[in-house]
Amino acid sequence: MKTTKAKTVSKTKKTPEADKPLKKTKVTAGKYVPSEEEIREKAREIYYERIARGEHGTPEDDWREAEELLKGS
């Protein structure tokens, strides 16, 4: 009685890309970028609070403050 060894055939094809080393990429957590609508709502809230306190300011200042608060800067 003769014993035979079974051949294992790989079904994956080797491509030129498979021989190239993988590029390392730096993974960083993305910063939250609020939408324009979110900034607008926060700026409006800041505006009403500022007016209630009787403070002077501009819509641009309110907008900048809203952006900073929402972005966590």
PDB file of N, CA and C in Angstrom:
ATOM      1  N   MET A   1       0.825  -1.168   0.000  1.00  0.00           N
ATOM      2  CA  MET A   1       0.000   0.000   0.000  1.00  0.00           C
ATOM      3  C   MET A   1       0.883   1.250   0.000  1.00  0.00           C
ATOM      4  N   LYS A   2       0.577   2.137  -0.877  1.00  0.00           N
ATOM      5  CA  LYS A   2       1.362   3.334  -1.069  1.00  0.00           C
ATOM      6  C   LYS A   2       0.636   4.538  -0.468  1.00  0.00           C
ATOM      7  N   THR A   3       1.341   5.373   0.306  1.00  0.00           N
ATOM      8  CA  THR A   3       0.721   6.580   0.860  1.00  0.00           C
ATOM      9  C   THR A   3       1.166   7.775   0.044  1.00  0.00           C
ATOM     10  N   THR A   4       0.247   8.654  -0.200  1.00  0.00           N
ATOM     11  CA  THR A   4       0.570   9.857  -0.963  1.00  0.00           C
ATOM     12  C   THR A   4       0.267  11.083  -0.118  1.00  0.00           C
ATOM     13  N   LYS A   5       1.033  12.096  -0.335  1.00  0.00           N
ATOM     14  CA  LYS A   5       0.809  13.356   0.380  1.00  0.00           C
ATOM     15  C   LYS A   5      -0.068  14.245  -0.481  1.00  0.00           C
ATOM     16  N   ALA A   6      -1.030  14.881   0.163  1.00  0.00           N
ATOM     17  CA  ALA A   6      -1.920  15.801  -0.547  1.00  0.00           C
ATOM     18  C   ALA A   6      -1.222  17.149  -0.696  1.00  0.00           C
ATOM     19  N   LYS A   7      -1.352  17.709  -1.875  1.00  0.00           N
ATOM     20  CA  LYS A   7      -0.774  19.030  -2.116  1.00  0.00           C
ATOM     21  C   LYS A   7      -1.762  20.101  -1.685  1.00  0.00           C
ATOM     22  N   THR A   8      -1.239  21.131  -1.056  1.00  0.00           N
ATOM     23  CA  THR A   8      -2.070  22.261  -0.673  1.00  0.00           C
ATOM     24  C   THR A   8      -1.860  23.350  -1.704  1.00  0.00           C
ATOM     25  N   VAL A   9      -2.957  23.803  -2.263  1.00  0.00           N
ATOM     26  CA  VAL A   9      -2.885  24.835  -3.289  1.00  0.00           C
ATOM     27  C   VAL A   9      -3.431  26.124  -2.706  1.00  0.00           C
ATOM     28  N   SER A  10      -2.624  27.168  -2.785  1.00  0.00           N
ATOM     29  CA  SER A  10      -3.058  28.465  -2.300  1.00  0.00           C
ATOM     30  C   SER A  10      -3.958  29.106  -3.350  1.00  0.00           C
ATOM     31  N   LYS A  11      -5.078  29.643  -2.901  1.00  0.00           N
ATOM     32  CA  LYS A  11      -6.019  30.263  -3.826  1.00  0.00           C
ATOM     33  C   LYS A  11      -5.814  31.773  -3.930  1.00  0.00           C
ATOM     34  N   THR A  12      -4.829  32.285  -3.202  1.00  0.00           N
ATOM     35  CA  THR A  12      -4.592  33.725  -3.292  1.00  0.00           C
ATOM     36  C   THR A  12      -3.587  34.007  -4.392  1.00  0.00           C
ATOM     37  N   LYS A  13      -3.853  35.041  -5.109  1.00  0.00           N
ATOM     38  CA  LYS A  13      -2.944  35.436  -6.184  1.00  0.00           C
ATOM     39  C   LYS A  13      -1.984  36.473  -5.637  1.00  0.00           C
ATOM     40  N   LYS A  14      -0.753  36.362  -6.007  1.00  0.00           N
ATOM     41  CA  LYS A  14       0.234  37.322  -5.564  1.00  0.00           C
ATOM     42  C   LYS A  14       0.281  38.461  -6.573  1.00  0.00           C
ATOM     43  N   THR A  15       0.123  39.658  -6.058  1.00  0.00           N
ATOM     44  CA  THR A  15       0.150  40.835  -6.913  1.00  0.00           C
ATOM     45  C   THR A  15       1.400  41.638  -6.589  1.00  0.00           C
ATOM     46  N   PRO A  16       1.836  42.489  -7.490  1.00  0.00           N
ATOM     47  CA  PRO A  16       3.016  43.313  -7.212  1.00  0.00           C
ATOM     48  C   PRO A  16       2.849  44.169  -5.959  1.00  0.00           C
ATOM     49  N   GLU A  17       1.612  44.611  -5.670  1.00  0.00           N
ATOM     50  CA  GLU A  17       1.365  45.431  -4.488  1.00  0.00           C
ATOM     51  C   GLU A  17       1.602  44.641  -3.212  1.00  0.00           C
ATOM     52  N   ALA A  18       1.417  43.328  -3.260  1.00  0.00           N
ATOM     53  CA  ALA A  18       1.586  42.503  -2.070  1.00  0.00           C
ATOM     54  C   ALA A  18       3.039  42.454  -1.629  1.00  0.00           C
ATOM     55  N   ASP A  19       3.968  42.684  -2.552  1.00  0.00           N
ATOM     56  CA  ASP A  19       5.380  42.647  -2.217  1.00  0.00           C
ATOM     57  C   ASP A  19       5.877  43.957  -1.598  1.00  0.00           C
ATOM     58  N   LYS A  20       5.138  45.024  -1.798  1.00  0.00           N
ATOM     59  CA  LYS A  20       5.556  46.328  -1.299  1.00  0.00           C
ATOM     60  C   LYS A  20       5.271  46.426   0.200  1.00  0.00           C
ATOM     61  N   PRO A  21       6.164  47.067   0.950  1.00  0.00           N
ATOM     62  CA  PRO A  21       5.887  47.255   2.382  1.00  0.00           C
ATOM     63  C   PRO A  21       4.747  48.256   2.572  1.00  0.00           C
ATOM     64  N   LEU A  22       3.997  48.054   3.626  1.00  0.00           N
ATOM     65  CA  LEU A  22       2.881  48.948   3.913  1.00  0.00           C
ATOM     66  C   LEU A  22       3.403  50.272   4.436  1.00  0.00           C
ATOM     67  N   LYS A  23       2.746  51.348   4.040  1.00  0.00           N
ATOM     68  CA  LYS A  23       3.124  52.666   4.531  1.00  0.00           C
ATOM     69  C   LYS A  23       2.522  52.849   5.913  1.00  0.00           C
ATOM     70  N   LYS A  24       3.304  53.419   6.796  1.00  0.00           N
ATOM     71  CA  LYS A  24       2.800  53.701   8.132  1.00  0.00           C
ATOM     72  C   LYS A  24       2.096  55.039   8.103  1.00  0.00           C
ATOM     73  N   THR A  25       0.916  55.072   8.673  1.00  0.00           N
ATOM     74  CA  THR A  25       0.187  56.328   8.738  1.00  0.00           C
ATOM     75  C   THR A  25      -0.062  56.656  10.197  1.00  0.00           C
ATOM     76  N   LYS A  26       0.001  57.917  10.491  1.00  0.00           N
ATOM     77  CA  LYS A  26      -0.223  58.383  11.843  1.00  0.00           C
ATOM     78  C   LYS A  26      -1.721  58.544  12.058  1.00  0.00           C
ATOM     79  N   VAL A  27      -2.218  57.907  13.073  1.00  0.00           N
ATOM     80  CA  VAL A  27      -3.641  57.988  13.382  1.00  0.00           C
ATOM     81  C   VAL A  27      -3.822  59.023  14.478  1.00  0.00           C
ATOM     82  N   THR A  28      -4.604  60.026  14.169  1.00  0.00           N
ATOM     83  CA  THR A  28      -4.871  61.073  15.148  1.00  0.00           C
ATOM     84  C   THR A  28      -6.367  61.249  15.292  1.00  0.00           C
ATOM     85  N   ALA A  29      -6.761  61.662  16.440  1.00  0.00           N
ATOM     86  CA  ALA A  29      -8.176  61.925  16.665  1.00  0.00           C
ATOM     87  C   ALA A  29      -8.527  63.241  15.985  1.00  0.00           C
ATOM     88  N   GLY A  30      -9.571  63.242  15.197  1.00  0.00           N
ATOM     89  CA  GLY A  30      -9.981  64.461  14.516  1.00  0.00           C
ATOM     90  C   GLY A  30     -10.621  65.444  15.473  1.00  0.00           C
ATOM     91  N   LYS A  31     -10.424  66.694  15.183  1.00  0.00           N
ATOM     92  CA  LYS A  31     -11.054  67.722  16.003  1.00  0.00           C
ATOM     93  C   LYS A  31     -12.491  67.885  15.563  1.00  0.00           C
ATOM     94  N   TYR A  32     -13.333  68.178  16.526  1.00  0.00           N
ATOM     95  CA  TYR A  32     -14.744  68.407  16.233  1.00  0.00           C
ATOM     96  C   TYR A  32     -14.883  69.739  15.513  1.00  0.00           C
ATOM     97  N   VAL A  33     -15.585  69.719  14.399  1.00  0.00           N
ATOM     98  CA  VAL A  33     -15.846  70.941  13.643  1.00  0.00           C
ATOM     99  C   VAL A  33     -17.354  71.176  13.664  1.00  0.00           C
ATOM    100  N   PRO A  34     -17.793  72.183  14.421  1.00  0.00           N
ATOM    101  CA  PRO A  34     -19.233  72.446  14.502  1.00  0.00           C
ATOM    102  C   PRO A  34     -19.771  72.975  13.174  1.00  0.00           C
ATOM    103  N   SER A  35     -21.034  72.681  12.923  1.00  0.00           N
ATOM    104  CA  SER A  35     -21.665  73.173  11.699  1.00  0.00           C
ATOM    105  C   SER A  35     -21.960  74.665  11.851  1.00  0.00           C
ATOM    106  N   GLU A  36     -22.217  75.303  10.734  1.00  0.00           N
ATOM    107  CA  GLU A  36     -22.539  76.731  10.755  1.00  0.00           C
ATOM    108  C   GLU A  36     -23.800  76.985  11.574  1.00  0.00           C
ATOM    109  N   GLU A  37     -24.758  76.085  11.466  1.00  0.00           N
ATOM    110  CA  GLU A  37     -26.012  76.235  12.221  1.00  0.00           C
ATOM    111  C   GLU A  37     -25.760  76.142  13.726  1.00  0.00           C
ATOM    112  N   GLU A  38     -24.884  75.235  14.145  1.00  0.00           N
ATOM    113  CA  GLU A  38     -24.559  75.118  15.567  1.00  0.00           C
ATOM    114  C   GLU A  38     -23.882  76.384  16.080  1.00  0.00           C
ATOM    115  N   ILE A  39     -22.978  76.925  15.275  1.00  0.00           N
ATOM    116  CA  ILE A  39     -22.296  78.166  15.664  1.00  0.00           C
ATOM    117  C   ILE A  39     -23.300  79.305  15.746  1.00  0.00           C
ATOM    118  N   ARG A  40     -24.190  79.376  14.760  1.00  0.00           N
ATOM    119  CA  ARG A  40     -25.199  80.436  14.729  1.00  0.00           C
ATOM    120  C   ARG A  40     -26.081  80.395  15.979  1.00  0.00           C
ATOM    121  N   GLU A  41     -26.515  79.195  16.362  1.00  0.00           N
ATOM    122  CA  GLU A  41     -27.372  79.056  17.549  1.00  0.00           C
ATOM    123  C   GLU A  41     -26.635  79.473  18.819  1.00  0.00           C
ATOM    124  N   LYS A  42     -25.373  79.061  18.934  1.00  0.00           N
ATOM    125  CA  LYS A  42     -24.580  79.413  20.115  1.00  0.00           C
ATOM    126  C   LYS A  42     -24.314  80.907  20.151  1.00  0.00           C
ATOM    127  N   ALA A  43     -24.018  81.517  18.998  1.00  0.00           N
ATOM    128  CA  ALA A  43     -23.780  82.962  18.932  1.00  0.00           C
ATOM    129  C   ALA A  43     -25.041  83.725  19.335  1.00  0.00           C
ATOM    130  N   ARG A  44     -26.193  83.234  18.920  1.00  0.00           N
ATOM    131  CA  ARG A  44     -27.469  83.870  19.287  1.00  0.00           C
ATOM    132  C   ARG A  44     -27.666  83.798  20.804  1.00  0.00           C
ATOM    133  N   GLU A  45     -27.345  82.646  21.378  1.00  0.00           N
ATOM    134  CA  GLU A  45     -27.462  82.463  22.824  1.00  0.00           C
ATOM    135  C   GLU A  45     -26.517  83.432  23.552  1.00  0.00           C
ATOM    136  N   ILE A  46     -25.289  83.546  23.068  1.00  0.00           N
ATOM    137  CA  ILE A  46     -24.311  84.463  23.657  1.00  0.00           C
ATOM    138  C   ILE A  46     -24.796  85.907  23.541  1.00  0.00           C
ATOM    139  N   TYR A  47     -25.366  86.232  22.392  1.00  0.00           N
ATOM    140  CA  TYR A  47     -25.896  87.585  22.159  1.00  0.00           C
ATOM    141  C   TYR A  47     -26.971  87.935  23.186  1.00  0.00           C
ATOM    142  N   TYR A  48     -27.954  87.054  23.355  1.00  0.00           N
ATOM    143  CA  TYR A  48     -29.048  87.335  24.295  1.00  0.00           C
ATOM    144  C   TYR A  48     -28.547  87.432  25.731  1.00  0.00           C
ATOM    145  N   GLU A  49     -27.581  86.610  26.097  1.00  0.00           N
ATOM    146  CA  GLU A  49     -27.016  86.682  27.446  1.00  0.00           C
ATOM    147  C   GLU A  49     -26.264  88.006  27.640  1.00  0.00           C
ATOM    148  N   ARG A  50     -25.522  88.426  26.620  1.00  0.00           N
ATOM    149  CA  ARG A  50     -24.758  89.667  26.679  1.00  0.00           C
ATOM    150  C   ARG A  50     -25.697  90.865  26.807  1.00  0.00           C
ATOM    151  N   ILE A  51     -26.768  90.866  26.029  1.00  0.00           N
ATOM    152  CA  ILE A  51     -27.747  91.961  26.083  1.00  0.00           C
ATOM    153  C   ILE A  51     -28.427  92.002  27.447  1.00  0.00           C
ATOM    154  N   ALA A  52     -28.750  90.826  27.995  1.00  0.00           N
ATOM    155  CA  ALA A  52     -29.401  90.763  29.310  1.00  0.00           C
ATOM    156  C   ALA A  52     -28.485  91.332  30.400  1.00  0.00           C
ATOM    157  N   ARG A  53     -27.181  91.183  30.231  1.00  0.00           N
ATOM    158  CA  ARG A  53     -26.231  91.737  31.206  1.00  0.00           C
ATOM    159  C   ARG A  53     -25.954  93.211  30.938  1.00  0.00           C
ATOM    160  N   GLY A  54     -26.445  93.725  29.813  1.00  0.00           N
ATOM    161  CA  GLY A  54     -26.236  95.131  29.467  1.00  0.00           C
ATOM    162  C   GLY A  54     -24.843  95.414  28.951  1.00  0.00           C
ATOM    163  N   GLU A  55     -24.166  94.407  28.432  1.00  0.00           N
ATOM    164  CA  GLU A  55     -22.814  94.585  27.922  1.00  0.00           C
ATOM    165  C   GLU A  55     -22.839  94.940  26.442  1.00  0.00           C
ATOM    166  N   HIS A  56     -21.823  95.685  26.021  1.00  0.00           N
ATOM    167  CA  HIS A  56     -21.672  96.024  24.616  1.00  0.00           C
ATOM    168  C   HIS A  56     -20.866  94.934  23.922  1.00  0.00           C
ATOM    169  N   GLY A  57     -21.054  94.815  22.620  1.00  0.00           N
ATOM    170  CA  GLY A  57     -20.306  93.844  21.842  1.00  0.00           C
ATOM    171  C   GLY A  57     -20.781  93.865  20.406  1.00  0.00           C
ATOM    172  N   THR A  58     -20.210  92.995  19.601  1.00  0.00           N
ATOM    173  CA  THR A  58     -20.595  92.922  18.195  1.00  0.00           C
ATOM    174  C   THR A  58     -21.006  91.495  17.851  1.00  0.00           C
ATOM    175  N   PRO A  59     -21.775  91.349  16.793  1.00  0.00           N
ATOM    176  CA  PRO A  59     -22.129  89.995  16.344  1.00  0.00           C
ATOM    177  C   PRO A  59     -20.898  89.158  15.991  1.00  0.00           C
ATOM    178  N   GLU A  60     -19.863  89.824  15.481  1.00  0.00           N
ATOM    179  CA  GLU A  60     -18.628  89.106  15.136  1.00  0.00           C
ATOM    180  C   GLU A  60     -17.960  88.539  16.382  1.00  0.00           C
ATOM    181  N   ASP A  61     -17.960  89.323  17.468  1.00  0.00           N
ATOM    182  CA  ASP A  61     -17.404  88.835  18.729  1.00  0.00           C
ATOM    183  C   ASP A  61     -18.203  87.640  19.250  1.00  0.00           C
ATOM    184  N   ASP A  62     -19.526  87.732  19.146  1.00  0.00           N
ATOM    185  CA  ASP A  62     -20.389  86.634  19.588  1.00  0.00           C
ATOM    186  C   ASP A  62     -20.102  85.375  18.762  1.00  0.00           C
ATOM    187  N   TRP A  63     -19.924  85.548  17.472  1.00  0.00           N
ATOM    188  CA  TRP A  63     -19.655  84.419  16.573  1.00  0.00           C
ATOM    189  C   TRP A  63     -18.318  83.756  16.937  1.00  0.00           C
ATOM    190  N   ARG A  64     -17.270  84.594  17.112  1.00  0.00           N
ATOM    191  CA  ARG A  64     -15.950  84.059  17.465  1.00  0.00           C
ATOM    192  C   ARG A  64     -15.991  83.308  18.791  1.00  0.00           C
ATOM    193  N   GLU A  65     -16.690  83.871  19.754  1.00  0.00           N
ATOM    194  CA  GLU A  65     -16.802  83.224  21.062  1.00  0.00           C
ATOM    195  C   GLU A  65     -17.545  81.885  20.934  1.00  0.00           C
ATOM    196  N   ALA A  66     -18.590  81.866  20.123  1.00  0.00           N
ATOM    197  CA  ALA A  66     -19.351  80.634  19.897  1.00  0.00           C
ATOM    198  C   ALA A  66     -18.472  79.559  19.262  1.00  0.00           C
ATOM    199  N   GLU A  67     -17.682  79.947  18.263  1.00  0.00           N
ATOM    200  CA  GLU A  67     -16.768  78.999  17.621  1.00  0.00           C
ATOM    201  C   GLU A  67     -15.775  78.428  18.620  1.00  0.00           C
ATOM    202  N   GLU A  68     -15.174  79.287  19.425  1.00  0.00           N
ATOM    203  CA  GLU A  68     -14.191  78.843  20.407  1.00  0.00           C
ATOM    204  C   GLU A  68     -14.809  77.887  21.423  1.00  0.00           C
ATOM    205  N   LEU A  69     -15.993  78.216  21.897  1.00  0.00           N
ATOM    206  CA  LEU A  69     -16.650  77.356  22.883  1.00  0.00           C
ATOM    207  C   LEU A  69     -17.010  75.997  22.290  1.00  0.00           C
ATOM    208  N   LEU A  70     -17.524  75.989  21.077  1.00  0.00           N
ATOM    209  CA  LEU A  70     -17.933  74.726  20.466  1.00  0.00           C
ATOM    210  C   LEU A  70     -16.749  73.858  20.042  1.00  0.00           C
ATOM    211  N   LYS A  71     -15.673  74.490  19.634  1.00  0.00           N
ATOM    212  CA  LYS A  71     -14.488  73.724  19.218  1.00  0.00           C
ATOM    213  C   LYS A  71     -13.662  73.283  20.421  1.00  0.00           C
ATOM    214  N   GLY A  72     -13.914  73.899  21.566  1.00  0.00           N
ATOM    215  CA  GLY A  72     -13.165  73.545  22.763  1.00  0.00           C
ATOM    216  C   GLY A  72     -11.796  74.179  22.806  1.00  0.00           C
ATOM    217  N   SER A  73     -11.638  75.307  22.135  1.00  0.00           N
ATOM    218  CA  SER A  73     -10.340  76.005  22.101  1.00  0.00           C
ATOM    219  C   SER A  73     -10.122  76.792  23.359  1.00  0.00           C
TER     220      SER A  73
END
